Amino acid sequence: MSENSQVGSLPLSPLDYEGCSPVGKWDTARVIEIDDPADPRLDDFRDLSAVDRRPDRPGGRGLVIAEGVVVVERLLASPYPVRALLGVRRRVEALGDLPAPAYVTSAEVMAEVVGFHLNRGVLAAADRAPQPAAEDLARGARRLAVLEGVGDHENLGSLFRNAAALGVDGVLLGPGCSDPLYRRSVRVSMGHVLRVPFASAPDLTGSLDMLRHNGFTVAALTPRESAVGLADAGLRCRRVAVLLGSEGPGLTEEAIAAADVAVRIPMAGGVDSLNVATAAAIAFYAIA
């Protein structure tokens, strides 16, 4: 993802596009019927479950793929340049005016093209948009999530959905994080990964120092008993960056040591941790 970041002025956040009508519309009469699954115009959607379609793998195509009417609508309202749509007619017609060719076909042909049966009935493919540099993202933010080693695509998608719902201004992706624009992350986030700005932070310690320089308190979320209870840390009304770790081992010792404060979520006996997306939601609410 770092190859897509840019240094300089912060581009418009995807949040600025919420509720906007897609630009560059064309008449839905230009919907194109396709019956041949081998038609090369459908190549953006071909074999979506194949390993080489993973944008975070060598040779991955890197396209943003949205599934289902709700997620496709969020893609159409985002700054990501839409290349094409593919779906059954009733799902495509539910989208109204469109900014790119919409290929209409049967559910059977769709399944043959994408490599699996698609219950949601419509897909959209888009190119990536330039992402802000971490410094630019932090400059206008009050609440941030900083992630270390969050590699599960579903957890990452859920975390972005929680961030959108609870007013987090952006996400910094440290070492070991998966690609938030991978198809599964986009789907699980219900398209909110297209709304919440994110930036790469390969030098996590350096990024935390940058946040402190910009007036943030960095709070590392950990289950260790020595940490301060989340409600007792006095984080409301501050500029706060919540530091969250991987699903298994959690944050590294280096990351916790680089934070300003270690905080924990008190839990009942017999439970030692929470899913990272669930823990993130609780922390985001606590700092709202």
Protein backbone atom coordinates (compact mmCIF):
# COMPACT_ATOMS: atom_id res chain seq x y z
CA MET A 1 0.00 0.00 0.00
CA SER A 2 2.94 2.30 0.62
CA GLU A 3 3.48 2.64 -3.11
CA ASN A 4 0.12 4.41 -3.26
CA SER A 5 0.90 6.98 -0.56
CA GLN A 6 1.90 10.49 -1.45
CA VAL A 7 3.71 13.22 0.43
CA GLY A 8 2.30 16.72 0.25
CA SER A 9 -1.11 18.28 0.59
CA LEU A 10 -3.85 16.07 1.93
CA PRO A 11 -6.29 15.02 -0.82
CA LEU A 12 -9.98 15.23 -0.16
CA SER A 13 -10.99 12.65 2.38
CA PRO A 14 -13.45 9.99 1.22
CA LEU A 15 -15.66 11.36 4.00
CA ASP A 16 -16.03 14.56 1.96
CA TYR A 17 -17.78 12.58 -0.77
CA GLU A 18 -20.46 11.05 1.42
CA GLY A 19 -23.90 11.78 0.05
CA CYS A 20 -22.51 13.23 -3.18
CA SER A 21 -23.76 12.05 -6.54
CA PRO A 22 -21.13 10.29 -8.64
CA VAL A 23 -19.41 12.54 -11.14
CA GLY A 24 -19.12 11.82 -14.85
CA LYS A 25 -22.51 10.12 -15.07
CA TRP A 26 -23.84 8.55 -18.21
CA ASP A 27 -27.32 7.38 -19.16
CA THR A 28 -28.27 3.94 -17.85
CA ALA A 29 -29.39 3.15 -21.40
CA ARG A 30 -25.72 2.41 -22.03
CA VAL A 31 -25.90 -0.71 -19.84
CA ILE A 32 -24.24 -3.50 -21.80
CA GLU A 33 -25.67 -7.02 -21.95
CA ILE A 34 -23.02 -9.77 -21.92
CA ASP A 35 -23.69 -13.50 -22.17
CA ASP A 36 -20.16 -14.83 -22.75
CA PRO A 37 -18.18 -15.36 -19.52
CA ALA A 38 -14.96 -15.25 -21.55
CA ASP A 39 -15.63 -11.68 -22.75
CA PRO A 40 -12.40 -9.73 -22.03
CA ARG A 41 -14.42 -6.73 -20.86
CA LEU A 42 -15.11 -8.73 -17.71
CA ASP A 43 -11.45 -9.32 -16.85
CA ASP A 44 -11.50 -6.91 -13.89
CA PHE A 45 -13.88 -9.35 -12.18
CA ARG A 46 -12.31 -12.64 -13.21
CA ASP A 47 -11.31 -15.29 -10.63
CA LEU A 48 -11.64 -12.97 -7.64
CA SER A 49 -10.76 -15.72 -5.17
CA ALA A 50 -7.46 -16.53 -6.90
CA VAL A 51 -4.31 -15.83 -4.89
CA ASP A 52 -2.91 -13.55 -7.59
CA ARG A 53 -5.91 -11.25 -7.22
CA ARG A 54 -4.73 -10.34 -3.73
CA PRO A 55 -3.52 -6.73 -4.04
CA ASP A 56 -1.07 -7.22 -1.18
CA ARG A 57 0.68 -10.14 -2.87
CA PRO A 58 3.36 -9.95 -5.57
CA GLY A 59 1.59 -9.79 -8.91
CA GLY A 60 -1.72 -8.80 -7.35
CA ARG A 61 -3.83 -6.54 -9.53
CA GLY A 62 -4.59 -4.06 -6.81
CA LEU A 63 -8.10 -3.13 -7.90
CA VAL A 64 -10.74 -2.13 -5.37
CA ILE A 65 -13.67 -4.56 -5.61
CA ALA A 66 -17.04 -3.69 -4.04
CA GLU A 67 -19.81 -6.27 -3.56
CA GLY A 68 -23.51 -5.63 -3.09
CA VAL A 69 -25.70 -2.59 -3.69
CA VAL A 70 -24.86 -0.79 -0.42
CA VAL A 71 -21.09 -1.19 -0.75
CA VAL A 72 -21.14 -0.38 -4.47
CA GLU A 73 -23.10 2.81 -3.74
CA ARG A 74 -20.41 3.84 -1.25
CA LEU A 75 -17.74 3.16 -3.85
CA LEU A 76 -19.62 5.26 -6.42
CA ALA A 77 -19.74 8.15 -3.91
CA SER A 78 -16.02 7.86 -3.09
CA PRO A 79 -12.94 9.33 -4.81
CA TYR A 80 -11.89 5.91 -6.10
CA PRO A 81 -12.14 5.96 -9.94
CA VAL A 82 -14.71 3.33 -10.96
CA ARG A 83 -13.70 1.25 -13.97
CA ALA A 84 -16.74 -0.99 -14.50
CA LEU A 85 -19.69 -2.74 -12.88
CA LEU A 86 -20.99 -6.28 -13.28
CA GLY A 87 -24.33 -7.55 -12.09
CA VAL A 88 -27.76 -8.93 -12.69
CA ARG A 89 -30.14 -6.35 -14.11
CA ARG A 90 -32.28 -5.69 -11.05
CA ARG A 91 -29.23 -4.99 -8.89
CA VAL A 92 -27.64 -2.68 -11.46
CA GLU A 93 -30.90 -0.79 -11.96
CA ALA A 94 -31.11 -0.23 -8.20
CA LEU A 95 -27.98 1.92 -8.45
CA GLY A 96 -29.46 4.57 -10.75
CA ASP A 97 -27.05 6.63 -12.85
CA LEU A 98 -23.55 5.21 -13.18
CA PRO A 99 -20.10 6.66 -13.92
CA ALA A 100 -18.70 3.64 -15.79
CA PRO A 101 -19.80 0.78 -18.06
CA ALA A 102 -22.23 -1.60 -16.36
CA TYR A 103 -22.17 -5.14 -17.71
CA VAL A 104 -25.44 -6.96 -17.13
CA THR A 105 -25.56 -10.74 -17.20
CA SER A 106 -27.10 -13.75 -15.48
CA ALA A 107 -26.17 -15.02 -12.02
CA GLU A 108 -24.76 -18.14 -13.67
CA VAL A 109 -22.42 -16.17 -15.92
CA MET A 110 -21.36 -14.00 -12.99
CA ALA A 111 -20.46 -17.09 -10.97
CA GLU A 112 -18.39 -18.45 -13.85
CA VAL A 113 -16.54 -15.15 -14.21
CA VAL A 114 -15.77 -14.42 -10.55
CA GLY A 115 -15.21 -18.06 -9.56
CA PHE A 116 -17.95 -18.42 -6.93
CA HIS A 117 -21.67 -17.81 -6.49
CA LEU A 118 -22.35 -14.19 -5.58
CA ASN A 119 -25.48 -13.68 -3.49
CA ARG A 120 -25.26 -9.90 -3.60
CA GLY A 121 -25.79 -9.73 -7.36
CA VAL A 122 -23.55 -6.78 -8.27
CA LEU A 123 -19.85 -5.88 -8.24
CA ALA A 124 -17.87 -2.77 -9.04
CA ALA A 125 -14.16 -2.44 -9.79
CA ALA A 126 -12.18 0.75 -9.21
CA ASP A 127 -8.63 1.97 -9.36
CA ARG A 128 -6.98 3.06 -6.16
CA ALA A 129 -6.87 6.70 -5.13
CA PRO A 130 -3.69 8.27 -3.71
CA GLN A 131 -3.58 8.01 0.07
CA PRO A 132 -2.33 10.82 2.30
CA ALA A 133 1.00 10.75 4.08
CA ALA A 134 0.73 9.94 7.79
CA GLU A 135 1.75 13.49 8.73
CA ASP A 136 -0.99 15.01 6.59
CA LEU A 137 -3.61 12.65 7.97
CA ALA A 138 -2.66 13.52 11.54
CA ARG A 139 -2.64 17.26 10.95
CA GLY A 140 -6.40 17.67 10.71
CA ALA A 141 -7.44 14.82 13.01
CA ARG A 142 -8.51 14.66 16.64
CA ARG A 143 -8.94 10.90 17.03
CA LEU A 144 -6.87 8.28 15.25
CA ALA A 145 -6.41 4.52 15.31
CA VAL A 146 -2.87 3.21 14.94
CA LEU A 147 -2.55 -0.48 14.10
CA GLU A 148 0.33 -2.91 14.53
CA GLY A 149 0.15 -6.36 12.98
CA VAL A 150 -3.61 -6.46 12.32
CA GLY A 151 -3.42 -9.01 9.54
CA ASP A 152 -6.89 -10.54 9.45
CA HIS A 153 -8.92 -8.96 6.64
CA GLU A 154 -12.26 -9.40 8.40
CA ASN A 155 -11.03 -7.87 11.63
CA LEU A 156 -9.55 -4.98 9.69
CA GLY A 157 -12.82 -4.40 7.83
CA SER A 158 -14.79 -4.50 11.08
CA LEU A 159 -12.37 -2.08 12.67
CA PHE A 160 -12.85 0.43 9.84
CA ARG A 161 -16.63 0.11 10.15
CA ASN A 162 -16.35 0.82 13.88
CA ALA A 163 -14.05 3.77 13.21
CA ALA A 164 -16.59 5.29 10.81
CA ALA A 165 -19.47 4.76 13.24
CA LEU A 166 -17.67 6.23 16.25
CA GLY A 167 -16.08 9.29 14.71
CA VAL A 168 -12.46 8.23 14.31
CA ASP A 169 -10.81 10.56 11.81
CA GLY A 170 -8.31 8.17 10.27
CA VAL A 171 -6.25 5.00 10.58
CA LEU A 172 -2.47 4.58 10.48
CA LEU A 173 -1.37 1.14 9.32
CA GLY A 174 1.85 -0.02 10.93
CA PRO A 175 4.00 -3.06 10.15
CA GLY A 176 2.20 -6.37 9.62
CA CYS A 177 -1.20 -4.93 8.74
CA SER A 178 -3.16 -6.35 5.84
CA ASP A 179 -4.46 -4.30 2.94
CA PRO A 180 -7.70 -2.51 3.88
CA LEU A 181 -8.73 -2.39 0.22
CA TYR A 182 -8.67 -6.15 -0.21
CA ARG A 183 -12.12 -7.38 -1.29
CA ARG A 184 -12.97 -9.11 2.00
CA SER A 185 -12.02 -6.06 4.07
CA VAL A 186 -14.12 -3.79 1.88
CA ARG A 187 -17.10 -6.14 2.17
CA VAL A 188 -16.91 -6.62 5.95
CA SER A 189 -16.50 -2.88 6.47
CA MET A 190 -19.76 -2.36 4.51
CA GLY A 191 -17.77 0.03 2.33
CA HIS A 192 -16.68 2.26 5.21
CA VAL A 193 -13.04 1.55 4.45
CA LEU A 194 -13.73 3.74 1.40
CA ARG A 195 -14.81 6.59 3.71
CA VAL A 196 -12.24 6.56 6.52
CA PRO A 197 -8.86 7.93 5.40
CA PHE A 198 -5.81 5.77 6.08
CA ALA A 199 -2.08 6.04 5.64
CA SER A 200 0.92 3.75 5.86
CA ALA A 201 3.17 3.97 8.93
CA PRO A 202 6.03 1.52 8.29
CA ASP A 203 8.19 3.15 10.98
CA LEU A 204 5.78 2.77 13.88
CA THR A 205 7.97 4.37 16.54
CA GLY A 206 8.71 7.30 14.28
CA SER A 207 5.00 7.72 13.53
CA LEU A 208 4.16 7.73 17.25
CA ASP A 209 6.78 10.43 17.81
CA MET A 210 5.21 12.41 14.97
CA LEU A 211 1.78 12.11 16.60
CA ARG A 212 3.13 13.38 19.93
CA HIS A 213 4.73 16.30 18.11
CA ASN A 214 1.27 17.08 16.74
CA GLY A 215 -0.28 17.10 20.20
CA PHE A 216 -1.64 13.55 20.40
CA THR A 217 -1.67 11.34 23.47
CA VAL A 218 -0.80 7.81 22.35
CA ALA A 219 -2.77 5.21 24.31
CA ALA A 220 -1.71 1.57 23.88
CA LEU A 221 -4.59 -0.87 24.40
CA THR A 222 -3.41 -4.00 26.20
CA PRO A 223 -4.95 -6.61 28.54
CA ARG A 224 -2.03 -6.50 30.99
CA GLU A 225 -3.06 -5.86 34.61
CA SER A 226 -0.56 -3.03 35.09
CA ALA A 227 -2.36 -0.88 32.51
CA VAL A 228 -4.71 1.92 33.54
CA GLY A 229 -8.42 1.26 33.19
CA LEU A 230 -9.70 2.85 29.98
CA ALA A 231 -12.31 4.94 31.79
CA ASP A 232 -9.70 6.21 34.28
CA ALA A 233 -7.11 7.36 31.75
CA GLY A 234 -8.61 10.82 31.20
CA LEU A 235 -8.55 10.56 27.42
CA ARG A 236 -11.75 12.43 26.61
CA CYS A 237 -11.38 15.94 25.20
CA ARG A 238 -7.80 15.24 24.10
CA ARG A 239 -6.26 14.50 20.75
CA VAL A 240 -5.88 10.73 21.13
CA ALA A 241 -4.30 8.00 19.03
CA VAL A 242 -5.42 4.51 20.10
CA LEU A 243 -2.68 1.95 19.48
CA LEU A 244 -4.03 -1.55 18.75
CA GLY A 245 -2.14 -4.79 18.19
CA SER A 246 -2.48 -8.08 16.37
CA GLU A 247 -5.23 -10.61 17.03
CA GLY A 248 -3.03 -13.11 18.86
CA PRO A 249 -0.03 -11.66 20.69
CA GLY A 250 -1.30 -8.09 20.75
CA LEU A 251 1.07 -5.14 20.76
CA THR A 252 4.81 -5.68 20.84
CA GLU A 253 6.78 -4.55 23.88
CA GLU A 254 8.41 -1.89 21.71
CA ALA A 255 5.04 -0.44 20.72
CA ILE A 256 3.76 -0.34 24.30
CA ALA A 257 6.99 1.29 25.48
CA ALA A 258 6.63 3.95 22.78
CA ALA A 259 3.11 4.92 23.95
CA ASP A 260 2.32 7.64 26.47
CA VAL A 261 0.00 5.42 28.48
CA ALA A 262 -1.04 1.75 28.50
CA VAL A 263 -4.79 1.28 28.95
CA ARG A 264 -6.96 -1.79 29.39
CA ILE A 265 -10.63 -2.73 29.19
CA PRO A 266 -11.73 -4.29 32.52
CA MET A 267 -13.27 -7.73 31.89
CA ALA A 268 -15.00 -10.42 33.90
CA GLY A 269 -12.94 -13.30 35.26
CA GLY A 270 -12.09 -16.10 32.87
CA VAL A 271 -11.85 -13.83 29.80
CA ASP A 272 -8.40 -12.52 29.05
CA SER A 273 -8.92 -10.63 25.79
CA LEU A 274 -11.36 -9.38 23.17
CA ASN A 275 -11.39 -9.50 19.39
CA VAL A 276 -9.34 -6.52 18.18
CA ALA A 277 -12.27 -4.93 16.33
CA THR A 278 -14.50 -5.26 19.41
CA ALA A 279 -11.82 -3.82 21.67
CA ALA A 280 -11.30 -0.99 19.20
CA ALA A 281 -15.01 -0.11 19.24
CA ILE A 282 -15.00 0.14 23.04
CA ALA A 283 -11.89 2.33 22.97
CA PHE A 284 -13.27 4.56 20.21
CA TYR A 285 -16.44 5.12 22.22
CA ALA A 286 -14.42 5.88 25.34
CA ILE A 287 -12.48 8.68 23.65
CA ALA A 288 -15.42 10.18 21.75
